[in-house]
Amino acid sequence: MNGSYYGILTGWIDTAVATQFIEDLKPLMNRADKSIILDCGKLEYICSLGLRGLLQLKKESAAKGGSLVLTHVDGEVLKILTMTGFIKLFDIR
């Protein structure tokens, strides 16, 4: 692993913006050999398509020897991750 990348997720990732969110994640796929830390403290909501994008990034990171960490997950986003079972799939700190 060579270095790390830190990003902040904010607002609502609903079906109206999820496609763009997944496009925005694509540059991170190139950095997937690094530690990617995404701060979710200002993220208010994420839909299933947004979760799928994060899962794709996690899988790419694992394949390239990197890691994906989600930090400051709480509120509605924590509820969504828990209800969907995705809480078990991510490294949440």
PDB file of N, CA and C in Angstrom:
ATOM      1  N   MET A   1       0.845  -1.164   0.000  1.00  0.00           N
ATOM      2  CA  MET A   1       0.000   0.000   0.000  1.00  0.00           C
ATOM      3  C   MET A   1       0.897   1.236   0.000  1.00  0.00           C
ATOM      4  N   ASN A   2       0.589   2.162  -0.857  1.00  0.00           N
ATOM      5  CA  ASN A   2       1.419   3.342  -1.026  1.00  0.00           C
ATOM      6  C   ASN A   2       0.589   4.593  -0.790  1.00  0.00           C
ATOM      7  N   GLY A   3       0.603   5.149   0.427  1.00  0.00           N
ATOM      8  CA  GLY A   3      -0.139   6.361   0.713  1.00  0.00           C
ATOM      9  C   GLY A   3      -1.605   6.107   0.990  1.00  0.00           C
ATOM     10  N   SER A   4      -2.353   7.211   1.026  1.00  0.00           N
ATOM     11  CA  SER A   4      -3.781   7.091   1.271  1.00  0.00           C
ATOM     12  C   SER A   4      -4.514   8.253   0.612  1.00  0.00           C
ATOM     13  N   TYR A   5      -5.817   8.095   0.488  1.00  0.00           N
ATOM     14  CA  TYR A   5      -6.680   9.116  -0.071  1.00  0.00           C
ATOM     15  C   TYR A   5      -7.808   9.343   0.911  1.00  0.00           C
ATOM     16  N   TYR A   6      -8.152  10.618   1.161  1.00  0.00           N
ATOM     17  CA  TYR A   6      -9.211  10.977   2.093  1.00  0.00           C
ATOM     18  C   TYR A   6     -10.264  11.785   1.347  1.00  0.00           C
ATOM     19  N   GLY A   7     -11.527  11.405   1.487  1.00  0.00           N
ATOM     20  CA  GLY A   7     -12.619  12.136   0.858  1.00  0.00           C
ATOM     21  C   GLY A   7     -13.777  12.297   1.816  1.00  0.00           C
ATOM     22  N   ILE A   8     -14.653  13.238   1.519  1.00  0.00           N
ATOM     23  CA  ILE A   8     -15.813  13.523   2.358  1.00  0.00           C
ATOM     24  C   ILE A   8     -17.077  13.347   1.524  1.00  0.00           C
ATOM     25  N   LEU A   9     -18.010  12.557   2.030  1.00  0.00           N
ATOM     26  CA  LEU A   9     -19.314  12.396   1.393  1.00  0.00           C
ATOM     27  C   LEU A   9     -20.309  13.288   2.123  1.00  0.00           C
ATOM     28  N   THR A  10     -21.106  14.035   1.364  1.00  0.00           N
ATOM     29  CA  THR A  10     -22.048  14.966   1.985  1.00  0.00           C
ATOM     30  C   THR A  10     -23.432  14.850   1.355  1.00  0.00           C
ATOM     31  N   GLY A  11     -24.432  15.290   2.093  1.00  0.00           N
ATOM     32  CA  GLY A  11     -25.784  15.419   1.568  1.00  0.00           C
ATOM     33  C   GLY A  11     -26.515  14.111   1.366  1.00  0.00           C
ATOM     34  N   TRP A  12     -27.309  14.083   0.302  1.00  0.00           N
ATOM     35  CA  TRP A  12     -28.154  12.939  -0.024  1.00  0.00           C
ATOM     36  C   TRP A  12     -27.636  12.266  -1.275  1.00  0.00           C
ATOM     37  N   ILE A  13     -27.389  10.987  -1.198  1.00  0.00           N
ATOM     38  CA  ILE A  13     -27.088  10.201  -2.390  1.00  0.00           C
ATOM     39  C   ILE A  13     -28.338   9.358  -2.632  1.00  0.00           C
ATOM     40  N   ASP A  14     -29.263   9.941  -3.401  1.00  0.00           N
ATOM     41  CA  ASP A  14     -30.505   9.250  -3.728  1.00  0.00           C
ATOM     42  C   ASP A  14     -30.470   8.833  -5.193  1.00  0.00           C
ATOM     43  N   THR A  15     -31.550   8.288  -5.681  1.00  0.00           N
ATOM     44  CA  THR A  15     -31.564   7.779  -7.053  1.00  0.00           C
ATOM     45  C   THR A  15     -31.325   8.879  -8.084  1.00  0.00           C
ATOM     46  N   ALA A  16     -31.647  10.117  -7.755  1.00  0.00           N
ATOM     47  CA  ALA A  16     -31.459  11.228  -8.694  1.00  0.00           C
ATOM     48  C   ALA A  16     -29.977  11.540  -8.931  1.00  0.00           C
ATOM     49  N   VAL A  17     -29.134  11.289  -7.939  1.00  0.00           N
ATOM     50  CA  VAL A  17     -27.706  11.628  -8.065  1.00  0.00           C
ATOM     51  C   VAL A  17     -26.782  10.407  -7.989  1.00  0.00           C
ATOM     52  N   ALA A  18     -27.345   9.238  -7.778  1.00  0.00           N
ATOM     53  CA  ALA A  18     -26.511   8.040  -7.578  1.00  0.00           C
ATOM     54  C   ALA A  18     -25.668   7.705  -8.800  1.00  0.00           C
ATOM     55  N   THR A  19     -26.198   7.887  -9.998  1.00  0.00           N
ATOM     56  CA  THR A  19     -25.424   7.592 -11.201  1.00  0.00           C
ATOM     57  C   THR A  19     -24.200   8.493 -11.278  1.00  0.00           C
ATOM     58  N   GLN A  20     -24.380   9.778 -10.966  1.00  0.00           N
ATOM     59  CA  GLN A  20     -23.246  10.704 -10.961  1.00  0.00           C
ATOM     60  C   GLN A  20     -22.271  10.348  -9.838  1.00  0.00           C
ATOM     61  N   PHE A  21     -22.787   9.935  -8.688  1.00  0.00           N
ATOM     62  CA  PHE A  21     -21.940   9.517  -7.576  1.00  0.00           C
ATOM     63  C   PHE A  21     -21.034   8.362  -7.997  1.00  0.00           C
ATOM     64  N   ILE A  22     -21.597   7.383  -8.701  1.00  0.00           N
ATOM     65  CA  ILE A  22     -20.803   6.245  -9.158  1.00  0.00           C
ATOM     66  C   ILE A  22     -19.743   6.707 -10.150  1.00  0.00           C
ATOM     67  N   GLU A  23     -20.090   7.637 -11.024  1.00  0.00           N
ATOM     68  CA  GLU A  23     -19.097   8.209 -11.943  1.00  0.00           C
ATOM     69  C   GLU A  23     -17.993   8.915 -11.166  1.00  0.00           C
ATOM     70  N   ASP A  24     -18.368   9.613 -10.110  1.00  0.00           N
ATOM     71  CA  ASP A  24     -17.386  10.328  -9.285  1.00  0.00           C
ATOM     72  C   ASP A  24     -16.461   9.374  -8.542  1.00  0.00           C
ATOM     73  N   LEU A  25     -16.903   8.149  -8.313  1.00  0.00           N
ATOM     74  CA  LEU A  25     -16.063   7.151  -7.639  1.00  0.00           C
ATOM     75  C   LEU A  25     -15.014   6.547  -8.569  1.00  0.00           C
ATOM     76  N   LYS A  26     -15.219   6.643  -9.869  1.00  0.00           N
ATOM     77  CA  LYS A  26     -14.311   5.994 -10.823  1.00  0.00           C
ATOM     78  C   LYS A  26     -12.848   6.406 -10.667  1.00  0.00           C
ATOM     79  N   PRO A  27     -12.519   7.687 -10.444  1.00  0.00           N
ATOM     80  CA  PRO A  27     -11.105   8.017 -10.229  1.00  0.00           C
ATOM     81  C   PRO A  27     -10.506   7.313  -9.009  1.00  0.00           C
ATOM     82  N   LEU A  28     -11.354   7.016  -8.018  1.00  0.00           N
ATOM     83  CA  LEU A  28     -10.863   6.296  -6.844  1.00  0.00           C
ATOM     84  C   LEU A  28     -10.499   4.857  -7.183  1.00  0.00           C
ATOM     85  N   MET A  29     -11.127   4.321  -8.216  1.00  0.00           N
ATOM     86  CA  MET A  29     -10.796   2.961  -8.638  1.00  0.00           C
ATOM     87  C   MET A  29      -9.316   2.890  -9.045  1.00  0.00           C
ATOM     88  N   ASN A  30      -8.801   3.981  -9.602  1.00  0.00           N
ATOM     89  CA  ASN A  30      -7.388   4.035  -9.979  1.00  0.00           C
ATOM     90  C   ASN A  30      -6.481   4.129  -8.759  1.00  0.00           C
ATOM     91  N   ARG A  31      -7.018   4.568  -7.651  1.00  0.00           N
ATOM     92  CA  ARG A  31      -6.254   4.691  -6.402  1.00  0.00           C
ATOM     93  C   ARG A  31      -6.567   3.547  -5.441  1.00  0.00           C
ATOM     94  N   ALA A  32      -7.220   2.527  -5.942  1.00  0.00           N
ATOM     95  CA  ALA A  32      -7.696   1.450  -5.083  1.00  0.00           C
ATOM     96  C   ALA A  32      -6.573   0.630  -4.460  1.00  0.00           C
ATOM     97  N   ASP A  33      -5.329   0.846  -4.900  1.00  0.00           N
ATOM     98  CA  ASP A  33      -4.208   0.151  -4.269  1.00  0.00           C
ATOM     99  C   ASP A  33      -3.765   0.863  -2.996  1.00  0.00           C
ATOM    100  N   LYS A  34      -4.418   1.966  -2.673  1.00  0.00           N
ATOM    101  CA  LYS A  34      -4.101   2.757  -1.486  1.00  0.00           C
ATOM    102  C   LYS A  34      -5.205   2.578  -0.434  1.00  0.00           C
ATOM    103  N   SER A  35      -4.988   3.186   0.700  1.00  0.00           N
ATOM    104  CA  SER A  35      -6.016   3.246   1.727  1.00  0.00           C
ATOM    105  C   SER A  35      -6.948   4.409   1.373  1.00  0.00           C
ATOM    106  N   ILE A  36      -8.204   4.098   1.140  1.00  0.00           N
ATOM    107  CA  ILE A  36      -9.199   5.126   0.831  1.00  0.00           C
ATOM    108  C   ILE A  36     -10.083   5.289   2.051  1.00  0.00           C
ATOM    109  N   ILE A  37     -10.109   6.505   2.578  1.00  0.00           N
ATOM    110  CA  ILE A  37     -10.899   6.812   3.765  1.00  0.00           C
ATOM    111  C   ILE A  37     -11.979   7.794   3.347  1.00  0.00           C
ATOM    112  N   LEU A  38     -13.242   7.407   3.533  1.00  0.00           N
ATOM    113  CA  LEU A  38     -14.355   8.273   3.187  1.00  0.00           C
ATOM    114  C   LEU A  38     -15.087   8.674   4.466  1.00  0.00           C
ATOM    115  N   ASP A  39     -15.086   9.964   4.742  1.00  0.00           N
ATOM    116  CA  ASP A  39     -15.754  10.514   5.911  1.00  0.00           C
ATOM    117  C   ASP A  39     -17.234  10.680   5.588  1.00  0.00           C
ATOM    118  N   CYS A  40     -18.087   9.995   6.322  1.00  0.00           N
ATOM    119  CA  CYS A  40     -19.528  10.020   6.084  1.00  0.00           C
ATOM    120  C   CYS A  40     -20.270  10.874   7.108  1.00  0.00           C
ATOM    121  N   GLY A  41     -19.541  11.676   7.869  1.00  0.00           N
ATOM    122  CA  GLY A  41     -20.147  12.478   8.925  1.00  0.00           C
ATOM    123  C   GLY A  41     -21.185  13.469   8.431  1.00  0.00           C
ATOM    124  N   LYS A  42     -21.070  13.914   7.190  1.00  0.00           N
ATOM    125  CA  LYS A  42     -22.035  14.867   6.627  1.00  0.00           C
ATOM    126  C   LYS A  42     -22.959  14.220   5.599  1.00  0.00           C
ATOM    127  N   LEU A  43     -22.867  12.896   5.482  1.00  0.00           N
ATOM    128  CA  LEU A  43     -23.745  12.166   4.580  1.00  0.00           C
ATOM    129  C   LEU A  43     -25.058  11.904   5.305  1.00  0.00           C
ATOM    130  N   GLU A  44     -26.166  12.362   4.732  1.00  0.00           N
ATOM    131  CA  GLU A  44     -27.462  12.249   5.387  1.00  0.00           C
ATOM    132  C   GLU A  44     -28.263  11.030   4.940  1.00  0.00           C
ATOM    133  N   TYR A  45     -27.995  10.561   3.714  1.00  0.00           N
ATOM    134  CA  TYR A  45     -28.769   9.448   3.165  1.00  0.00           C
ATOM    135  C   TYR A  45     -27.991   8.825   2.017  1.00  0.00           C
ATOM    136  N   ILE A  46     -28.151   7.518   1.838  1.00  0.00           N
ATOM    137  CA  ILE A  46     -27.569   6.834   0.677  1.00  0.00           C
ATOM    138  C   ILE A  46     -28.544   5.749   0.223  1.00  0.00           C
ATOM    139  N   CYS A  47     -28.841   5.728  -1.071  1.00  0.00           N
ATOM    140  CA  CYS A  47     -29.761   4.740  -1.629  1.00  0.00           C
ATOM    141  C   CYS A  47     -29.006   3.457  -1.982  1.00  0.00           C
ATOM    142  N   SER A  48     -29.747   2.457  -2.422  1.00  0.00           N
ATOM    143  CA  SER A  48     -29.131   1.166  -2.723  1.00  0.00           C
ATOM    144  C   SER A  48     -28.138   1.262  -3.883  1.00  0.00           C
ATOM    145  N   LEU A  49     -28.403   2.110  -4.860  1.00  0.00           N
ATOM    146  CA  LEU A  49     -27.467   2.269  -5.966  1.00  0.00           C
ATOM    147  C   LEU A  49     -26.157   2.905  -5.481  1.00  0.00           C
ATOM    148  N   GLY A  50     -26.257   3.846  -4.553  1.00  0.00           N
ATOM    149  CA  GLY A  50     -25.061   4.441  -3.954  1.00  0.00           C
ATOM    150  C   GLY A  50     -24.272   3.417  -3.157  1.00  0.00           C
ATOM    151  N   LEU A  51     -24.990   2.570  -2.428  1.00  0.00           N
ATOM    152  CA  LEU A  51     -24.325   1.494  -1.677  1.00  0.00           C
ATOM    153  C   LEU A  51     -23.610   0.542  -2.621  1.00  0.00           C
ATOM    154  N   ARG A  52     -24.233   0.269  -3.750  1.00  0.00           N
ATOM    155  CA  ARG A  52     -23.605  -0.609  -4.736  1.00  0.00           C
ATOM    156  C   ARG A  52     -22.295  -0.011  -5.247  1.00  0.00           C
ATOM    157  N   GLY A  53     -22.275   1.309  -5.438  1.00  0.00           N
ATOM    158  CA  GLY A  53     -21.046   1.981  -5.862  1.00  0.00           C
ATOM    159  C   GLY A  53     -19.947   1.840  -4.821  1.00  0.00           C
ATOM    160  N   LEU A  54     -20.299   2.008  -3.551  1.00  0.00           N
ATOM    161  CA  LEU A  54     -19.310   1.849  -2.485  1.00  0.00           C
ATOM    162  C   LEU A  54     -18.811   0.404  -2.411  1.00  0.00           C
ATOM    163  N   LEU A  55     -19.716  -0.545  -2.610  1.00  0.00           N
ATOM    164  CA  LEU A  55     -19.329  -1.944  -2.579  1.00  0.00           C
ATOM    165  C   LEU A  55     -18.384  -2.260  -3.739  1.00  0.00           C
ATOM    166  N   GLN A  56     -18.651  -1.687  -4.892  1.00  0.00           N
ATOM    167  CA  GLN A  56     -17.770  -1.881  -6.041  1.00  0.00           C
ATOM    168  C   GLN A  56     -16.375  -1.322  -5.745  1.00  0.00           C
ATOM    169  N   LEU A  57     -16.316  -0.157  -5.110  1.00  0.00           N
ATOM    170  CA  LEU A  57     -15.034   0.439  -4.733  1.00  0.00           C
ATOM    171  C   LEU A  57     -14.309  -0.442  -3.716  1.00  0.00           C
ATOM    172  N   LYS A  58     -15.049  -0.994  -2.765  1.00  0.00           N
ATOM    173  CA  LYS A  58     -14.446  -1.887  -1.769  1.00  0.00           C
ATOM    174  C   LYS A  58     -13.846  -3.121  -2.442  1.00  0.00           C
ATOM    175  N   LYS A  59     -14.584  -3.715  -3.375  1.00  0.00           N
ATOM    176  CA  LYS A  59     -14.097  -4.898  -4.071  1.00  0.00           C
ATOM    177  C   LYS A  59     -12.850  -4.582  -4.895  1.00  0.00           C
ATOM    178  N   GLU A  60     -12.849  -3.427  -5.559  1.00  0.00           N
ATOM    179  CA  GLU A  60     -11.687  -3.015  -6.350  1.00  0.00           C
ATOM    180  C   GLU A  60     -10.482  -2.798  -5.444  1.00  0.00           C
ATOM    181  N   SER A  61     -10.707  -2.201  -4.276  1.00  0.00           N
ATOM    182  CA  SER A  61      -9.624  -1.987  -3.309  1.00  0.00           C
ATOM    183  C   SER A  61      -9.046  -3.312  -2.836  1.00  0.00           C
ATOM    184  N   ALA A  62      -9.914  -4.244  -2.518  1.00  0.00           N
ATOM    185  CA  ALA A  62      -9.449  -5.556  -2.059  1.00  0.00           C
ATOM    186  C   ALA A  62      -8.640  -6.254  -3.150  1.00  0.00           C
ATOM    187  N   ALA A  63      -9.078  -6.132  -4.385  1.00  0.00           N
ATOM    188  CA  ALA A  63      -8.391  -6.790  -5.498  1.00  0.00           C
ATOM    189  C   ALA A  63      -7.010  -6.189  -5.759  1.00  0.00           C
ATOM    190  N   LYS A  64      -6.850  -4.896  -5.464  1.00  0.00           N
ATOM    191  CA  LYS A  64      -5.588  -4.210  -5.743  1.00  0.00           C
ATOM    192  C   LYS A  64      -4.700  -4.081  -4.502  1.00  0.00           C
ATOM    193  N   GLY A  65      -5.108  -4.671  -3.391  1.00  0.00           N
ATOM    194  CA  GLY A  65      -4.296  -4.632  -2.187  1.00  0.00           C
ATOM    195  C   GLY A  65      -4.474  -3.381  -1.344  1.00  0.00           C
ATOM    196  N   GLY A  66      -5.499  -2.613  -1.624  1.00  0.00           N
ATOM    197  CA  GLY A  66      -5.783  -1.410  -0.842  1.00  0.00           C
ATOM    198  C   GLY A  66      -6.860  -1.685   0.188  1.00  0.00           C
ATOM    199  N   SER A  67      -7.458  -0.622   0.683  1.00  0.00           N
ATOM    200  CA  SER A  67      -8.538  -0.776   1.652  1.00  0.00           C
ATOM    201  C   SER A  67      -9.496   0.401   1.537  1.00  0.00           C
ATOM    202  N   LEU A  68     -10.722   0.172   1.967  1.00  0.00           N
ATOM    203  CA  LEU A  68     -11.731   1.225   2.025  1.00  0.00           C
ATOM    204  C   LEU A  68     -12.246   1.290   3.448  1.00  0.00           C
ATOM    205  N   VAL A  69     -12.174   2.473   4.030  1.00  0.00           N
ATOM    206  CA  VAL A  69     -12.648   2.703   5.399  1.00  0.00           C
ATOM    207  C   VAL A  69     -13.706   3.794   5.349  1.00  0.00           C
ATOM    208  N   LEU A  70     -14.828   3.562   6.010  1.00  0.00           N
ATOM    209  CA  LEU A  70     -15.859   4.582   6.161  1.00  0.00           C
ATOM    210  C   LEU A  70     -15.794   5.091   7.598  1.00  0.00           C
ATOM    211  N   THR A  71     -15.699   6.407   7.764  1.00  0.00           N
ATOM    212  CA  THR A  71     -15.623   6.980   9.110  1.00  0.00           C
ATOM    213  C   THR A  71     -16.853   7.836   9.393  1.00  0.00           C
ATOM    214  N   HIS A  72     -17.091   8.073  10.658  1.00  0.00           N
ATOM    215  CA  HIS A  72     -18.166   8.945  11.139  1.00  0.00           C
ATOM    216  C   HIS A  72     -19.528   8.563  10.572  1.00  0.00           C
ATOM    217  N   VAL A  73     -19.782   7.271  10.497  1.00  0.00           N
ATOM    218  CA  VAL A  73     -21.070   6.785  10.007  1.00  0.00           C
ATOM    219  C   VAL A  73     -22.052   6.810  11.168  1.00  0.00           C
ATOM    220  N   ASP A  74     -23.137   7.553  11.013  1.00  0.00           N
ATOM    221  CA  ASP A  74     -24.143   7.603  12.070  1.00  0.00           C
ATOM    222  C   ASP A  74     -25.508   7.967  11.487  1.00  0.00           C
ATOM    223  N   GLY A  75     -26.465   8.170  12.339  1.00  0.00           N
ATOM    224  CA  GLY A  75     -27.791   8.602  11.929  1.00  0.00           C
ATOM    225  C   GLY A  75     -28.446   7.677  10.920  1.00  0.00           C
ATOM    226  N   GLU A  76     -29.086   8.283   9.928  1.00  0.00           N
ATOM    227  CA  GLU A  76     -29.827   7.548   8.906  1.00  0.00           C
ATOM    228  C   GLU A  76     -28.931   6.604   8.109  1.00  0.00           C
ATOM    229  N   VAL A  77     -27.717   7.043   7.820  1.00  0.00           N
ATOM    230  CA  VAL A  77     -26.796   6.208   7.045  1.00  0.00           C
ATOM    231  C   VAL A  77     -26.447   4.942   7.825  1.00  0.00           C
ATOM    232  N   LEU A  78     -26.225   5.061   9.107  1.00  0.00           N
ATOM    233  CA  LEU A  78     -25.953   3.881   9.939  1.00  0.00           C
ATOM    234  C   LEU A  78     -27.158   2.944   9.942  1.00  0.00           C
ATOM    235  N   LYS A  79     -28.357   3.506  10.029  1.00  0.00           N
ATOM    236  CA  LYS A  79     -29.575   2.688   9.992  1.00  0.00           C
ATOM    237  C   LYS A  79     -29.678   1.931   8.670  1.00  0.00           C
ATOM    238  N   ILE A  80     -29.396   2.623   7.561  1.00  0.00           N
ATOM    239  CA  ILE A  80     -29.481   1.996   6.242  1.00  0.00           C
ATOM    240  C   ILE A  80     -28.460   0.872   6.119  1.00  0.00           C
ATOM    241  N   LEU A  81     -27.229   1.122   6.541  1.00  0.00           N
ATOM    242  CA  LEU A  81     -26.192   0.083   6.479  1.00  0.00           C
ATOM    243  C   LEU A  81     -26.565  -1.121   7.337  1.00  0.00           C
ATOM    244  N   THR A  82     -27.161  -0.869   8.489  1.00  0.00           N
ATOM    245  CA  THR A  82     -27.562  -1.940   9.393  1.00  0.00           C
ATOM    246  C   THR A  82     -28.719  -2.744   8.805  1.00  0.00           C
ATOM    247  N   MET A  83     -29.758  -2.046   8.309  1.00  0.00           N
ATOM    248  CA  MET A  83     -30.934  -2.734   7.764  1.00  0.00           C
ATOM    249  C   MET A  83     -30.603  -3.560   6.530  1.00  0.00           C
ATOM    250  N   THR A  84     -29.672  -3.099   5.730  1.00  0.00           N
ATOM    251  CA  THR A  84     -29.319  -3.814   4.495  1.00  0.00           C
ATOM    252  C   THR A  84     -28.283  -4.905   4.721  1.00  0.00           C
ATOM    253  N   GLY A  85     -27.668  -4.913   5.894  1.00  0.00           N
ATOM    254  CA  GLY A  85     -26.611  -5.875   6.170  1.00  0.00           C
ATOM    255  C   GLY A  85     -25.241  -5.436   5.666  1.00  0.00           C
ATOM    256  N   PHE A  86     -25.191  -4.248   5.027  1.00  0.00           N
ATOM    257  CA  PHE A  86     -23.927  -3.737   4.506  1.00  0.00           C
ATOM    258  C   PHE A  86     -22.965  -3.361   5.626  1.00  0.00           C
ATOM    259  N   ILE A  87     -23.469  -3.191   6.816  1.00  0.00           N
ATOM    260  CA  ILE A  87     -22.615  -2.837   7.956  1.00  0.00           C
ATOM    261  C   ILE A  87     -21.525  -3.890   8.146  1.00  0.00           C
ATOM    262  N   LYS A  88     -21.839  -5.149   7.787  1.00  0.00           N
ATOM    263  CA  LYS A  88     -20.884  -6.247   7.946  1.00  0.00           C
ATOM    264  C   LYS A  88     -19.845  -6.277   6.822  1.00  0.00           C
ATOM    265  N   LEU A  89     -20.113  -5.565   5.745  1.00  0.00           N
ATOM    266  CA  LEU A  89     -19.245  -5.610   4.574  1.00  0.00           C
ATOM    267  C   LEU A  89     -18.156  -4.541   4.583  1.00  0.00           C
ATOM    268  N   PHE A  90     -18.340  -3.489   5.358  1.00  0.00           N
ATOM    269  CA  PHE A  90     -17.414  -2.368   5.332  1.00  0.00           C
ATOM    270  C   PHE A  90     -16.630  -2.250   6.629  1.00  0.00           C
ATOM    271  N   ASP A  91     -15.436  -1.698   6.516  1.00  0.00           N
ATOM    272  CA  ASP A  91     -14.621  -1.329   7.674  1.00  0.00           C
ATOM    273  C   ASP A  91     -15.119   0.050   8.107  1.00  0.00           C
ATOM    274  N   ILE A  92     -15.836   0.097   9.220  1.00  0.00           N
ATOM    275  CA  ILE A  92     -16.428   1.349   9.702  1.00  0.00           C
ATOM    276  C   ILE A  92     -15.751   1.736  11.004  1.00  0.00           C
ATOM    277  N   ARG A  93     -15.258   2.953  11.022  1.00  0.00           N
ATOM    278  CA  ARG A  93     -14.563   3.451  12.223  1.00  0.00           C
ATOM    279  C   ARG A  93     -15.156   4.752  12.679  1.00  0.00           C
TER     280      ARG A  93
END
